[in-house]
Amino acid sequence: MKLEGPRSAIAAHLIDLEASLRQLDLWSDVPPSPDALGSEQPFAMDSLEFEEWLQFIFLPTIYDVLESGRALPERCAIAPMAEETVGKKALPTETLISTLRELDQLITDIDT
């Protein structure tokens, strides 16, 4: 399936997000346990680090939505959580947070 328009821009930002996580050494080769992934708390904050939530829940979910052609969420506001979590680490997280701000805007503004 070829993505076009805003969906293509969202996919490009997802790739940038993964690259940022890898550059910051926040990417894991080992997935969390099924119990941790099954959390019903926002951002799975009771069982996952924010970057794990991005890698193992957010990215696969949005890629799946894009590929299936289903509607994206009406509103997306992930950047504020990133600022409160990874943004407080002693890491250069500006690019990561900027990418998330842009994703928030793209997903919230899409007309699907």
C-alpha atoms as a PDB file:
ATOM      1  CA  MET A   1       0.000   0.000   0.000  1.00  0.00           C
ATOM      2  CA  LYS A   2       1.389   3.379  -1.025  1.00  0.00           C
ATOM      3  CA  LEU A   3       0.817   6.143   1.479  1.00  0.00           C
ATOM      4  CA  GLU A   4       0.110   9.610   0.182  1.00  0.00           C
ATOM      5  CA  GLY A   5      -0.319  13.117   1.571  1.00  0.00           C
ATOM      6  CA  PRO A   6      -0.551  13.498   5.329  1.00  0.00           C
ATOM      7  CA  ARG A   7      -0.299   9.752   5.940  1.00  0.00           C
ATOM      8  CA  SER A   8       3.021   9.714   4.085  1.00  0.00           C
ATOM      9  CA  ALA A   9       4.246  12.614   6.233  1.00  0.00           C
ATOM     10  CA  ILE A  10       3.189  10.755   9.389  1.00  0.00           C
ATOM     11  CA  ALA A  11       5.064   7.626   8.226  1.00  0.00           C
ATOM     12  CA  ALA A  12       8.189   9.717   7.584  1.00  0.00           C
ATOM     13  CA  HIS A  13       7.967  11.182  11.084  1.00  0.00           C
ATOM     14  CA  LEU A  14       7.587   7.688  12.557  1.00  0.00           C
ATOM     15  CA  ILE A  15      10.864   6.768  10.876  1.00  0.00           C
ATOM     16  CA  ASP A  16      12.445   9.937  12.319  1.00  0.00           C
ATOM     17  CA  LEU A  17      11.092   9.010  15.752  1.00  0.00           C
ATOM     18  CA  GLU A  18      12.690   5.573  15.586  1.00  0.00           C
ATOM     19  CA  ALA A  19      15.984   7.134  14.440  1.00  0.00           C
ATOM     20  CA  SER A  20      15.899   9.582  17.361  1.00  0.00           C
ATOM     21  CA  LEU A  21      15.278   6.795  19.859  1.00  0.00           C
ATOM     22  CA  ARG A  22      18.166   4.808  18.424  1.00  0.00           C
ATOM     23  CA  GLN A  23      20.526   7.813  18.413  1.00  0.00           C
ATOM     24  CA  LEU A  24      19.743   8.477  22.066  1.00  0.00           C
ATOM     25  CA  ASP A  25      20.312   4.789  22.866  1.00  0.00           C
ATOM     26  CA  LEU A  26      16.690   4.531  24.029  1.00  0.00           C
ATOM     27  CA  TRP A  27      15.866   1.697  21.606  1.00  0.00           C
ATOM     28  CA  SER A  28      15.648  -1.798  23.035  1.00  0.00           C
ATOM     29  CA  ASP A  29      16.282  -5.087  21.283  1.00  0.00           C
ATOM     30  CA  VAL A  30      14.345  -6.909  24.009  1.00  0.00           C
ATOM     31  CA  PRO A  31      10.578  -6.389  24.195  1.00  0.00           C
ATOM     32  CA  PRO A  32       8.888  -5.935  27.559  1.00  0.00           C
ATOM     33  CA  SER A  33       6.870  -8.782  29.027  1.00  0.00           C
ATOM     34  CA  PRO A  34       3.334  -9.375  27.732  1.00  0.00           C
ATOM     35  CA  ASP A  35       2.021  -8.205  31.141  1.00  0.00           C
ATOM     36  CA  ALA A  36       3.898  -4.900  30.826  1.00  0.00           C
ATOM     37  CA  LEU A  37       2.576  -4.417  27.288  1.00  0.00           C
ATOM     38  CA  GLY A  38      -0.963  -5.147  28.455  1.00  0.00           C
ATOM     39  CA  SER A  39      -1.172  -2.154  30.772  1.00  0.00           C
ATOM     40  CA  GLU A  40      -4.329  -0.087  30.497  1.00  0.00           C
ATOM     41  CA  GLN A  41      -2.786   3.024  32.060  1.00  0.00           C
ATOM     42  CA  PRO A  42      -2.105   6.023  29.779  1.00  0.00           C
ATOM     43  CA  PHE A  43       1.308   5.517  28.150  1.00  0.00           C
ATOM     44  CA  ALA A  44       1.531   2.238  30.162  1.00  0.00           C
ATOM     45  CA  MET A  45       3.230   4.403  32.772  1.00  0.00           C
ATOM     46  CA  ASP A  46       2.718   1.764  35.438  1.00  0.00           C
ATOM     47  CA  SER A  47       4.745  -0.850  33.563  1.00  0.00           C
ATOM     48  CA  LEU A  48       6.880   0.754  30.838  1.00  0.00           C
ATOM     49  CA  GLU A  49       9.347   3.568  30.441  1.00  0.00           C
ATOM     50  CA  PHE A  50       7.991   6.204  28.058  1.00  0.00           C
ATOM     51  CA  GLU A  51      10.520   5.278  25.372  1.00  0.00           C
ATOM     52  CA  GLU A  52       9.422   1.621  25.637  1.00  0.00           C
ATOM     53  CA  TRP A  53       5.822   2.708  25.163  1.00  0.00           C
ATOM     54  CA  LEU A  54       6.851   4.645  22.049  1.00  0.00           C
ATOM     55  CA  GLN A  55       8.773   1.691  20.630  1.00  0.00           C
ATOM     56  CA  PHE A  56       6.539  -1.211  21.507  1.00  0.00           C
ATOM     57  CA  ILE A  57       3.030   0.297  21.552  1.00  0.00           C
ATOM     58  CA  PHE A  58       2.826   3.682  19.781  1.00  0.00           C
ATOM     59  CA  LEU A  59       4.990   2.981  16.722  1.00  0.00           C
ATOM     60  CA  PRO A  60       3.483  -0.432  15.854  1.00  0.00           C
ATOM     61  CA  THR A  61      -0.054   0.853  16.441  1.00  0.00           C
ATOM     62  CA  ILE A  62       0.296   3.918  14.218  1.00  0.00           C
ATOM     63  CA  TYR A  63       2.104   1.948  11.492  1.00  0.00           C
ATOM     64  CA  ASP A  64      -0.756  -0.576  11.568  1.00  0.00           C
ATOM     65  CA  VAL A  65      -3.382   2.171  11.331  1.00  0.00           C
ATOM     66  CA  LEU A  66      -1.559   3.767   8.389  1.00  0.00           C
ATOM     67  CA  GLU A  67      -1.147   0.475   6.532  1.00  0.00           C
ATOM     68  CA  SER A  68      -4.739  -0.614   7.104  1.00  0.00           C
ATOM     69  CA  GLY A  69      -6.201   2.747   6.092  1.00  0.00           C
ATOM     70  CA  ARG A  70      -8.156   2.980   9.364  1.00  0.00           C
ATOM     71  CA  ALA A  71      -8.850   6.349  10.916  1.00  0.00           C
ATOM     72  CA  LEU A  72      -6.138   7.874  13.060  1.00  0.00           C
ATOM     73  CA  PRO A  73      -6.983   9.214  16.516  1.00  0.00           C
ATOM     74  CA  GLU A  74      -8.849  12.513  16.441  1.00  0.00           C
ATOM     75  CA  ARG A  75      -6.348  14.065  18.793  1.00  0.00           C
ATOM     76  CA  CYS A  76      -2.738  13.287  19.573  1.00  0.00           C
ATOM     77  CA  ALA A  77      -0.732  14.879  22.397  1.00  0.00           C
ATOM     78  CA  ILE A  78       2.375  12.840  23.075  1.00  0.00           C
ATOM     79  CA  ALA A  79       5.007  15.598  23.141  1.00  0.00           C
ATOM     80  CA  PRO A  80       3.994  16.913  26.603  1.00  0.00           C
ATOM     81  CA  MET A  81       4.505  13.444  28.100  1.00  0.00           C
ATOM     82  CA  ALA A  82       7.870  13.202  26.339  1.00  0.00           C
ATOM     83  CA  GLU A  83       8.900  16.524  27.860  1.00  0.00           C
ATOM     84  CA  GLU A  84       8.009  15.226  31.330  1.00  0.00           C
ATOM     85  CA  THR A  85       9.807  11.900  30.924  1.00  0.00           C
ATOM     86  CA  VAL A  86      12.659  11.608  28.423  1.00  0.00           C
ATOM     87  CA  GLY A  87      12.982  15.393  28.321  1.00  0.00           C
ATOM     88  CA  LYS A  88      14.222  15.319  31.915  1.00  0.00           C
ATOM     89  CA  LYS A  89      16.989  12.821  31.178  1.00  0.00           C
ATOM     90  CA  ALA A  90      20.543  14.018  30.725  1.00  0.00           C
ATOM     91  CA  LEU A  91      20.286  13.465  26.966  1.00  0.00           C
ATOM     92  CA  PRO A  92      19.948  15.767  23.936  1.00  0.00           C
ATOM     93  CA  THR A  93      16.233  15.033  23.441  1.00  0.00           C
ATOM     94  CA  GLU A  94      15.299  18.179  21.476  1.00  0.00           C
ATOM     95  CA  THR A  95      15.035  16.346  18.126  1.00  0.00           C
ATOM     96  CA  LEU A  96      12.965  13.541  19.646  1.00  0.00           C
ATOM     97  CA  ILE A  97      10.532  15.969  21.271  1.00  0.00           C
ATOM     98  CA  SER A  98      10.342  18.123  18.147  1.00  0.00           C
ATOM     99  CA  THR A  99       9.480  15.046  16.062  1.00  0.00           C
ATOM    100  CA  LEU A 100       6.742  14.142  18.543  1.00  0.00           C
ATOM    101  CA  ARG A 101       5.321  17.684  18.417  1.00  0.00           C
ATOM    102  CA  GLU A 102       5.161  17.456  14.630  1.00  0.00           C
ATOM    103  CA  LEU A 103       3.518  14.019  14.822  1.00  0.00           C
ATOM    104  CA  ASP A 104       0.960  15.353  17.299  1.00  0.00           C
ATOM    105  CA  GLN A 105       0.113  18.147  14.869  1.00  0.00           C
ATOM    106  CA  LEU A 106      -0.020  15.904  11.778  1.00  0.00           C
ATOM    107  CA  ILE A 107      -2.210  13.272  13.432  1.00  0.00           C
ATOM    108  CA  THR A 108      -4.546  15.834  15.033  1.00  0.00           C
ATOM    109  CA  ASP A 109      -4.929  17.800  11.766  1.00  0.00           C
ATOM    110  CA  ILE A 110      -5.464  14.868   9.395  1.00  0.00           C
ATOM    111  CA  ASP A 111      -8.799  14.651   7.589  1.00  0.00           C
ATOM    112  CA  THR A 112      -9.430  10.957   7.192  1.00  0.00           C
END
